[in-house]
Amino acid sequence: MAKPSDVRIDTLELTFHNERLAVPLHLSRGAITEVTYATVLVAVQTRAGKMQHGTGAIFLSDLWAFPDPAYDHAQKDLAMRT
């Protein structure tokens, strides 16, 4: 059932930035010196026409989230971005 608070996405913008860490993060699988930072900007509209905007961001790191050794870092990073 439809509610007045239901929203639909009006616009969505996803960007990626490579962020170099000030100090390497050492984990059991190796050191992380750079991570991909994913940011999303979204605008939604309610059934009543009210617009709202929001942002979100997360670090993507294949070292701990995608440990399969069959793929190199570039392949893993591309898979996570996709």
PDB file of N, CA and C in Angstrom:
ATOM      1  N   MET A   1       0.840  -1.186   0.000  1.00  0.00           N
ATOM      2  CA  MET A   1       0.000   0.000   0.000  1.00  0.00           C
ATOM      3  C   MET A   1       0.885   1.249   0.000  1.00  0.00           C
ATOM      4  N   ALA A   2       0.523   2.209  -0.802  1.00  0.00           N
ATOM      5  CA  ALA A   2       1.293   3.447  -0.912  1.00  0.00           C
ATOM      6  C   ALA A   2       1.137   4.300   0.341  1.00  0.00           C
ATOM      7  N   LYS A   3       2.242   4.902   0.750  1.00  0.00           N
ATOM      8  CA  LYS A   3       2.244   5.794   1.914  1.00  0.00           C
ATOM      9  C   LYS A   3       2.712   7.180   1.476  1.00  0.00           C
ATOM     10  N   PRO A   4       2.268   8.233   2.161  1.00  0.00           N
ATOM     11  CA  PRO A   4       2.738   9.584   1.814  1.00  0.00           C
ATOM     12  C   PRO A   4       4.254   9.731   1.959  1.00  0.00           C
ATOM     13  N   SER A   5       4.862   8.896   2.803  1.00  0.00           N
ATOM     14  CA  SER A   5       6.308   8.980   3.023  1.00  0.00           C
ATOM     15  C   SER A   5       7.111   8.232   1.962  1.00  0.00           C
ATOM     16  N   ASP A   6       6.454   7.502   1.064  1.00  0.00           N
ATOM     17  CA  ASP A   6       7.161   6.808  -0.017  1.00  0.00           C
ATOM     18  C   ASP A   6       7.920   7.824  -0.863  1.00  0.00           C
ATOM     19  N   VAL A   7       9.086   7.426  -1.323  1.00  0.00           N
ATOM     20  CA  VAL A   7       9.894   8.312  -2.158  1.00  0.00           C
ATOM     21  C   VAL A   7      10.303   7.604  -3.440  1.00  0.00           C
ATOM     22  N   ARG A   8      10.634   8.405  -4.429  1.00  0.00           N
ATOM     23  CA  ARG A   8      11.247   7.877  -5.639  1.00  0.00           C
ATOM     24  C   ARG A   8      12.550   8.632  -5.847  1.00  0.00           C
ATOM     25  N   ILE A   9      13.519   7.946  -6.397  1.00  0.00           N
ATOM     26  CA  ILE A   9      14.815   8.575  -6.648  1.00  0.00           C
ATOM     27  C   ILE A   9      14.679   9.519  -7.829  1.00  0.00           C
ATOM     28  N   ASP A  10      15.080  10.758  -7.612  1.00  0.00           N
ATOM     29  CA  ASP A  10      15.064  11.770  -8.671  1.00  0.00           C
ATOM     30  C   ASP A  10      16.416  11.781  -9.386  1.00  0.00           C
ATOM     31  N   THR A  11      17.488  11.922  -8.605  1.00  0.00           N
ATOM     32  CA  THR A  11      18.840  11.878  -9.171  1.00  0.00           C
ATOM     33  C   THR A  11      19.753  11.112  -8.222  1.00  0.00           C
ATOM     34  N   LEU A  12      20.789  10.519  -8.798  1.00  0.00           N
ATOM     35  CA  LEU A  12      21.771   9.789  -8.015  1.00  0.00           C
ATOM     36  C   LEU A  12      23.121   9.957  -8.695  1.00  0.00           C
ATOM     37  N   GLU A  13      24.113  10.351  -7.924  1.00  0.00           N
ATOM     38  CA  GLU A  13      25.461  10.540  -8.461  1.00  0.00           C
ATOM     39  C   GLU A  13      26.440   9.744  -7.612  1.00  0.00           C
ATOM     40  N   LEU A  14      27.160   8.832  -8.241  1.00  0.00           N
ATOM     41  CA  LEU A  14      28.141   7.996  -7.559  1.00  0.00           C
ATOM     42  C   LEU A  14      29.526   8.364  -8.064  1.00  0.00           C
ATOM     43  N   THR A  15      30.435   8.653  -7.141  1.00  0.00           N
ATOM     44  CA  THR A  15      31.808   8.989  -7.515  1.00  0.00           C
ATOM     45  C   THR A  15      32.781   8.147  -6.695  1.00  0.00           C
ATOM     46  N   PHE A  16      33.981   7.977  -7.238  1.00  0.00           N
ATOM     47  CA  PHE A  16      35.039   7.237  -6.564  1.00  0.00           C
ATOM     48  C   PHE A  16      36.291   8.101  -6.519  1.00  0.00           C
ATOM     49  N   HIS A  17      36.988   8.047  -5.389  1.00  0.00           N
ATOM     50  CA  HIS A  17      38.243   8.770  -5.215  1.00  0.00           C
ATOM     51  C   HIS A  17      39.246   7.822  -4.581  1.00  0.00           C
ATOM     52  N   ASN A  18      40.483   7.906  -4.988  1.00  0.00           N
ATOM     53  CA  ASN A  18      41.546   7.141  -4.338  1.00  0.00           C
ATOM     54  C   ASN A  18      42.088   7.992  -3.197  1.00  0.00           C
ATOM     55  N   GLU A  19      42.073   7.421  -2.012  1.00  0.00           N
ATOM     56  CA  GLU A  19      42.538   8.127  -0.822  1.00  0.00           C
ATOM     57  C   GLU A  19      43.788   7.431  -0.282  1.00  0.00           C
ATOM     58  N   ARG A  20      44.858   8.191  -0.153  1.00  0.00           N
ATOM     59  CA  ARG A  20      46.099   7.652   0.415  1.00  0.00           C
ATOM     60  C   ARG A  20      46.014   7.794   1.927  1.00  0.00           C
ATOM     61  N   LEU A  21      46.310   6.710   2.637  1.00  0.00           N
ATOM     62  CA  LEU A  21      46.293   6.744   4.096  1.00  0.00           C
ATOM     63  C   LEU A  21      47.539   7.450   4.619  1.00  0.00           C
ATOM     64  N   ALA A  22      47.388   8.217   5.673  1.00  0.00           N
ATOM     65  CA  ALA A  22      48.532   8.913   6.265  1.00  0.00           C
ATOM     66  C   ALA A  22      49.529   7.906   6.841  1.00  0.00           C
ATOM     67  N   VAL A  23      48.998   6.832   7.401  1.00  0.00           N
ATOM     68  CA  VAL A  23      49.814   5.765   7.966  1.00  0.00           C
ATOM     69  C   VAL A  23      49.273   4.446   7.431  1.00  0.00           C
ATOM     70  N   PRO A  24      50.112   3.572   6.885  1.00  0.00           N
ATOM     71  CA  PRO A  24      49.618   2.293   6.365  1.00  0.00           C
ATOM     72  C   PRO A  24      48.885   1.492   7.437  1.00  0.00           C
ATOM     73  N   LEU A  25      47.825   0.837   7.027  1.00  0.00           N
ATOM     74  CA  LEU A  25      47.049  -0.031   7.911  1.00  0.00           C
ATOM     75  C   LEU A  25      47.523  -1.453   7.660  1.00  0.00           C
ATOM     76  N   HIS A  26      48.092  -2.089   8.677  1.00  0.00           N
ATOM     77  CA  HIS A  26      48.656  -3.436   8.526  1.00  0.00           C
ATOM     78  C   HIS A  26      47.650  -4.467   9.012  1.00  0.00           C
ATOM     79  N   LEU A  27      47.279  -5.378   8.091  1.00  0.00           N
ATOM     80  CA  LEU A  27      46.386  -6.480   8.407  1.00  0.00           C
ATOM     81  C   LEU A  27      47.118  -7.783   8.133  1.00  0.00           C
ATOM     82  N   SER A  28      46.505  -8.890   8.477  1.00  0.00           N
ATOM     83  CA  SER A  28      47.162 -10.182   8.288  1.00  0.00           C
ATOM     84  C   SER A  28      47.485 -10.467   6.822  1.00  0.00           C
ATOM     85  N   ARG A  29      46.726  -9.892   5.898  1.00  0.00           N
ATOM     86  CA  ARG A  29      46.943 -10.151   4.475  1.00  0.00           C
ATOM     87  C   ARG A  29      47.858  -9.120   3.817  1.00  0.00           C
ATOM     88  N   GLY A  30      48.327  -8.139   4.563  1.00  0.00           N
ATOM     89  CA  GLY A  30      49.223  -7.145   3.991  1.00  0.00           C
ATOM     90  C   GLY A  30      48.909  -5.753   4.492  1.00  0.00           C
ATOM     91  N   ALA A  31      49.604  -4.779   3.946  1.00  0.00           N
ATOM     92  CA  ALA A  31      49.431  -3.382   4.340  1.00  0.00           C
ATOM     93  C   ALA A  31      48.570  -2.657   3.316  1.00  0.00           C
ATOM     94  N   ILE A  32      47.694  -1.810   3.817  1.00  0.00           N
ATOM     95  CA  ILE A  32      46.865  -0.969   2.960  1.00  0.00           C
ATOM     96  C   ILE A  32      47.444   0.434   3.026  1.00  0.00           C
ATOM     97  N   THR A  33      47.809   0.980   1.869  1.00  0.00           N
ATOM     98  CA  THR A  33      48.346   2.336   1.817  1.00  0.00           C
ATOM     99  C   THR A  33      47.395   3.293   1.111  1.00  0.00           C
ATOM    100  N   GLU A  34      46.458   2.722   0.339  1.00  0.00           N
ATOM    101  CA  GLU A  34      45.498   3.531  -0.417  1.00  0.00           C
ATOM    102  C   GLU A  34      44.187   2.759  -0.514  1.00  0.00           C
ATOM    103  N   VAL A  35      43.071   3.466  -0.394  1.00  0.00           N
ATOM    104  CA  VAL A  35      41.764   2.838  -0.513  1.00  0.00           C
ATOM    105  C   VAL A  35      40.886   3.664  -1.446  1.00  0.00           C
ATOM    106  N   THR A  36      39.880   3.009  -1.993  1.00  0.00           N
ATOM    107  CA  THR A  36      38.896   3.691  -2.826  1.00  0.00           C
ATOM    108  C   THR A  36      37.797   4.209  -1.908  1.00  0.00           C
ATOM    109  N   TYR A  37      37.436   5.464  -2.079  1.00  0.00           N
ATOM    110  CA  TYR A  37      36.386   6.101  -1.290  1.00  0.00           C
ATOM    111  C   TYR A  37      35.204   6.326  -2.227  1.00  0.00           C
ATOM    112  N   ALA A  38      34.092   5.664  -1.949  1.00  0.00           N
ATOM    113  CA  ALA A  38      32.882   5.792  -2.770  1.00  0.00           C
ATOM    114  C   ALA A  38      31.926   6.769  -2.093  1.00  0.00           C
ATOM    115  N   THR A  39      31.428   7.725  -2.866  1.00  0.00           N
ATOM    116  CA  THR A  39      30.489   8.718  -2.353  1.00  0.00           C
ATOM    117  C   THR A  39      29.249   8.728  -3.229  1.00  0.00           C
ATOM    118  N   VAL A  40      28.076   8.810  -2.607  1.00  0.00           N
ATOM    119  CA  VAL A  40      26.828   8.900  -3.353  1.00  0.00           C
ATOM    120  C   VAL A  40      26.068  10.147  -2.898  1.00  0.00           C
ATOM    121  N   LEU A  41      25.554  10.872  -3.879  1.00  0.00           N
ATOM    122  CA  LEU A  41      24.666  12.007  -3.634  1.00  0.00           C
ATOM    123  C   LEU A  41      23.325  11.619  -4.240  1.00  0.00           C
ATOM    124  N   VAL A  42      22.249  11.754  -3.474  1.00  0.00           N
ATOM    125  CA  VAL A  42      20.942  11.332  -3.972  1.00  0.00           C
ATOM    126  C   VAL A  42      19.889  12.394  -3.655  1.00  0.00           C
ATOM    127  N   ALA A  43      18.967  12.565  -4.586  1.00  0.00           N
ATOM    128  CA  ALA A  43      17.809  13.443  -4.378  1.00  0.00           C
ATOM    129  C   ALA A  43      16.575  12.568  -4.579  1.00  0.00           C
ATOM    130  N   VAL A  44      15.648  12.662  -3.639  1.00  0.00           N
ATOM    131  CA  VAL A  44      14.410  11.895  -3.731  1.00  0.00           C
ATOM    132  C   VAL A  44      13.218  12.836  -3.642  1.00  0.00           C
ATOM    133  N   GLN A  45      12.083  12.338  -4.107  1.00  0.00           N
ATOM    134  CA  GLN A  45      10.859  13.133  -4.065  1.00  0.00           C
ATOM    135  C   GLN A  45       9.744  12.282  -3.463  1.00  0.00           C
ATOM    136  N   THR A  46       8.982  12.874  -2.524  1.00  0.00           N
ATOM    137  CA  THR A  46       7.863  12.164  -1.920  1.00  0.00           C
ATOM    138  C   THR A  46       6.659  12.218  -2.853  1.00  0.00           C
ATOM    139  N   ARG A  47       5.655  11.441  -2.538  1.00  0.00           N
ATOM    140  CA  ARG A  47       4.422  11.444  -3.327  1.00  0.00           C
ATOM    141  C   ARG A  47       3.792  12.839  -3.339  1.00  0.00           C
ATOM    142  N   ALA A  48       4.032  13.602  -2.267  1.00  0.00           N
ATOM    143  CA  ALA A  48       3.481  14.955  -2.167  1.00  0.00           C
ATOM    144  C   ALA A  48       4.335  15.989  -2.903  1.00  0.00           C
ATOM    145  N   GLY A  49       5.457  15.549  -3.487  1.00  0.00           N
ATOM    146  CA  GLY A  49       6.292  16.470  -4.242  1.00  0.00           C
ATOM    147  C   GLY A  49       7.434  17.096  -3.464  1.00  0.00           C
ATOM    148  N   LYS A  50       7.568  16.761  -2.191  1.00  0.00           N
ATOM    149  CA  LYS A  50       8.644  17.325  -1.379  1.00  0.00           C
ATOM    150  C   LYS A  50       9.969  16.662  -1.762  1.00  0.00           C
ATOM    151  N   MET A  51      11.003  17.487  -1.984  1.00  0.00           N
ATOM    152  CA  MET A  51      12.332  16.993  -2.349  1.00  0.00           C
ATOM    153  C   MET A  51      13.219  16.911  -1.113  1.00  0.00           C
ATOM    154  N   GLN A  52      14.042  15.883  -1.064  1.00  0.00           N
ATOM    155  CA  GLN A  52      15.048  15.731  -0.021  1.00  0.00           C
ATOM    156  C   GLN A  52      16.349  15.299  -0.673  1.00  0.00           C
ATOM    157  N   HIS A  53      17.463  15.727  -0.075  1.00  0.00           N
ATOM    158  CA  HIS A  53      18.789  15.393  -0.589  1.00  0.00           C
ATOM    159  C   HIS A  53      19.582  14.705   0.511  1.00  0.00           C
ATOM    160  N   GLY A  54      20.448  13.799   0.120  1.00  0.00           N
ATOM    161  CA  GLY A  54      21.278  13.113   1.099  1.00  0.00           C
ATOM    162  C   GLY A  54      22.583  12.654   0.487  1.00  0.00           C
ATOM    163  N   THR A  55      23.523  12.327   1.360  1.00  0.00           N
ATOM    164  CA  THR A  55      24.831  11.840   0.931  1.00  0.00           C
ATOM    165  C   THR A  55      25.201  10.614   1.765  1.00  0.00           C
ATOM    166  N   GLY A  56      26.085   9.826   1.223  1.00  0.00           N
ATOM    167  CA  GLY A  56      26.628   8.684   1.939  1.00  0.00           C
ATOM    168  C   GLY A  56      27.994   8.364   1.370  1.00  0.00           C
ATOM    169  N   ALA A  57      28.820   7.706   2.154  1.00  0.00           N
ATOM    170  CA  ALA A  57      30.162   7.371   1.690  1.00  0.00           C
ATOM    171  C   ALA A  57      30.672   6.140   2.428  1.00  0.00           C
ATOM    172  N   ILE A  58      31.562   5.419   1.761  1.00  0.00           N
ATOM    173  CA  ILE A  58      32.168   4.238   2.372  1.00  0.00           C
ATOM    174  C   ILE A  58      33.518   3.980   1.710  1.00  0.00           C
ATOM    175  N   PHE A  59      34.438   3.431   2.476  1.00  0.00           N
ATOM    176  CA  PHE A  59      35.707   2.992   1.922  1.00  0.00           C
ATOM    177  C   PHE A  59      35.517   1.597   1.339  1.00  0.00           C
ATOM    178  N   LEU A  60      36.074   1.354   0.157  1.00  0.00           N
ATOM    179  CA  LEU A  60      36.076   0.032  -0.453  1.00  0.00           C
ATOM    180  C   LEU A  60      37.494  -0.513  -0.338  1.00  0.00           C
ATOM    181  N   SER A  61      37.650  -1.642   0.295  1.00  0.00           N
ATOM    182  CA  SER A  61      38.986  -2.240   0.385  1.00  0.00           C
ATOM    183  C   SER A  61      38.909  -3.726   0.096  1.00  0.00           C
ATOM    184  N   ASP A  62      39.517  -4.117  -0.994  1.00  0.00           N
ATOM    185  CA  ASP A  62      39.482  -5.527  -1.370  1.00  0.00           C
ATOM    186  C   ASP A  62      40.357  -6.391  -0.474  1.00  0.00           C
ATOM    187  N   LEU A  63      41.287  -5.808   0.258  1.00  0.00           N
ATOM    188  CA  LEU A  63      42.197  -6.605   1.073  1.00  0.00           C
ATOM    189  C   LEU A  63      41.448  -7.422   2.119  1.00  0.00           C
ATOM    190  N   TRP A  64      40.467  -6.823   2.779  1.00  0.00           N
ATOM    191  CA  TRP A  64      39.712  -7.594   3.770  1.00  0.00           C
ATOM    192  C   TRP A  64      38.323  -8.003   3.282  1.00  0.00           C
ATOM    193  N   ALA A  65      37.773  -7.318   2.288  1.00  0.00           N
ATOM    194  CA  ALA A  65      36.409  -7.619   1.851  1.00  0.00           C
ATOM    195  C   ALA A  65      36.358  -8.571   0.652  1.00  0.00           C
ATOM    196  N   PHE A  66      37.463  -8.788  -0.014  1.00  0.00           N
ATOM    197  CA  PHE A  66      37.477  -9.581  -1.242  1.00  0.00           C
ATOM    198  C   PHE A  66      38.835 -10.286  -1.304  1.00  0.00           C
ATOM    199  N   PRO A  67      39.069 -11.242  -0.386  1.00  0.00           N
ATOM    200  CA  PRO A  67      40.418 -11.804  -0.235  1.00  0.00           C
ATOM    201  C   PRO A  67      40.846 -12.848  -1.265  1.00  0.00           C
ATOM    202  N   ASP A  68      40.037 -13.141  -2.281  1.00  0.00           N
ATOM    203  CA  ASP A  68      40.364 -14.180  -3.260  1.00  0.00           C
ATOM    204  C   ASP A  68      41.698 -13.877  -3.956  1.00  0.00           C
ATOM    205  N   PRO A  69      42.713 -14.731  -3.790  1.00  0.00           N
ATOM    206  CA  PRO A  69      44.027 -14.474  -4.390  1.00  0.00           C
ATOM    207  C   PRO A  69      44.082 -14.689  -5.909  1.00  0.00           C
ATOM    208  N   ALA A  70      43.012 -15.197  -6.506  1.00  0.00           N
ATOM    209  CA  ALA A  70      42.996 -15.429  -7.948  1.00  0.00           C
ATOM    210  C   ALA A  70      42.929 -14.133  -8.742  1.00  0.00           C
ATOM    211  N   TYR A  71      42.584 -13.030  -8.091  1.00  0.00           N
ATOM    212  CA  TYR A  71      42.442 -11.743  -8.760  1.00  0.00           C
ATOM    213  C   TYR A  71      43.413 -10.740  -8.161  1.00  0.00           C
ATOM    214  N   ASP A  72      43.930  -9.835  -8.998  1.00  0.00           N
ATOM    215  CA  ASP A  72      44.826  -8.801  -8.481  1.00  0.00           C
ATOM    216  C   ASP A  72      44.001  -7.618  -7.968  1.00  0.00           C
ATOM    217  N   HIS A  73      44.684  -6.673  -7.351  1.00  0.00           N
ATOM    218  CA  HIS A  73      44.003  -5.524  -6.739  1.00  0.00           C
ATOM    219  C   HIS A  73      43.138  -4.761  -7.750  1.00  0.00           C
ATOM    220  N   ALA A  74      43.660  -4.509  -8.932  1.00  0.00           N
ATOM    221  CA  ALA A  74      42.915  -3.730  -9.935  1.00  0.00           C
ATOM    222  C   ALA A  74      41.608  -4.432 -10.310  1.00  0.00           C
ATOM    223  N   GLN A  75      41.651  -5.748 -10.470  1.00  0.00           N
ATOM    224  CA  GLN A  75      40.437  -6.497 -10.815  1.00  0.00           C
ATOM    225  C   GLN A  75      39.424  -6.454  -9.674  1.00  0.00           C
ATOM    226  N   LYS A  76      39.896  -6.611  -8.452  1.00  0.00           N
ATOM    227  CA  LYS A  76      39.013  -6.583  -7.288  1.00  0.00           C
ATOM    228  C   LYS A  76      38.385  -5.192  -7.108  1.00  0.00           C
ATOM    229  N   ASP A  77      39.206  -4.162  -7.266  1.00  0.00           N
ATOM    230  CA  ASP A  77      38.703  -2.802  -7.116  1.00  0.00           C
ATOM    231  C   ASP A  77      37.640  -2.499  -8.167  1.00  0.00           C
ATOM    232  N   LEU A  78      37.888  -2.909  -9.403  1.00  0.00           N
ATOM    233  CA  LEU A  78      36.897  -2.710 -10.460  1.00  0.00           C
ATOM    234  C   LEU A  78      35.602  -3.464 -10.155  1.00  0.00           C
ATOM    235  N   ALA A  79      35.703  -4.679  -9.663  1.00  0.00           N
ATOM    236  CA  ALA A  79      34.517  -5.463  -9.306  1.00  0.00           C
ATOM    237  C   ALA A  79      33.724  -4.777  -8.206  1.00  0.00           C
ATOM    238  N   MET A  80      34.408  -4.238  -7.207  1.00  0.00           N
ATOM    239  CA  MET A  80      33.715  -3.553  -6.109  1.00  0.00           C
ATOM    240  C   MET A  80      33.081  -2.264  -6.587  1.00  0.00           C
ATOM    241  N   ARG A  81      33.719  -1.544  -7.472  1.00  0.00           N
ATOM    242  CA  ARG A  81      33.133  -0.313  -8.024  1.00  0.00           C
ATOM    243  C   ARG A  81      31.896  -0.618  -8.870  1.00  0.00           C
ATOM    244  N   THR A  82      31.963  -1.718  -9.599  1.00  0.00           N
ATOM    245  CA  THR A  82      30.832  -2.103 -10.445  1.00  0.00           C
ATOM    246  C   THR A  82      29.657  -2.512  -9.595  1.00  0.00           C
TER     247      THR A  82
END
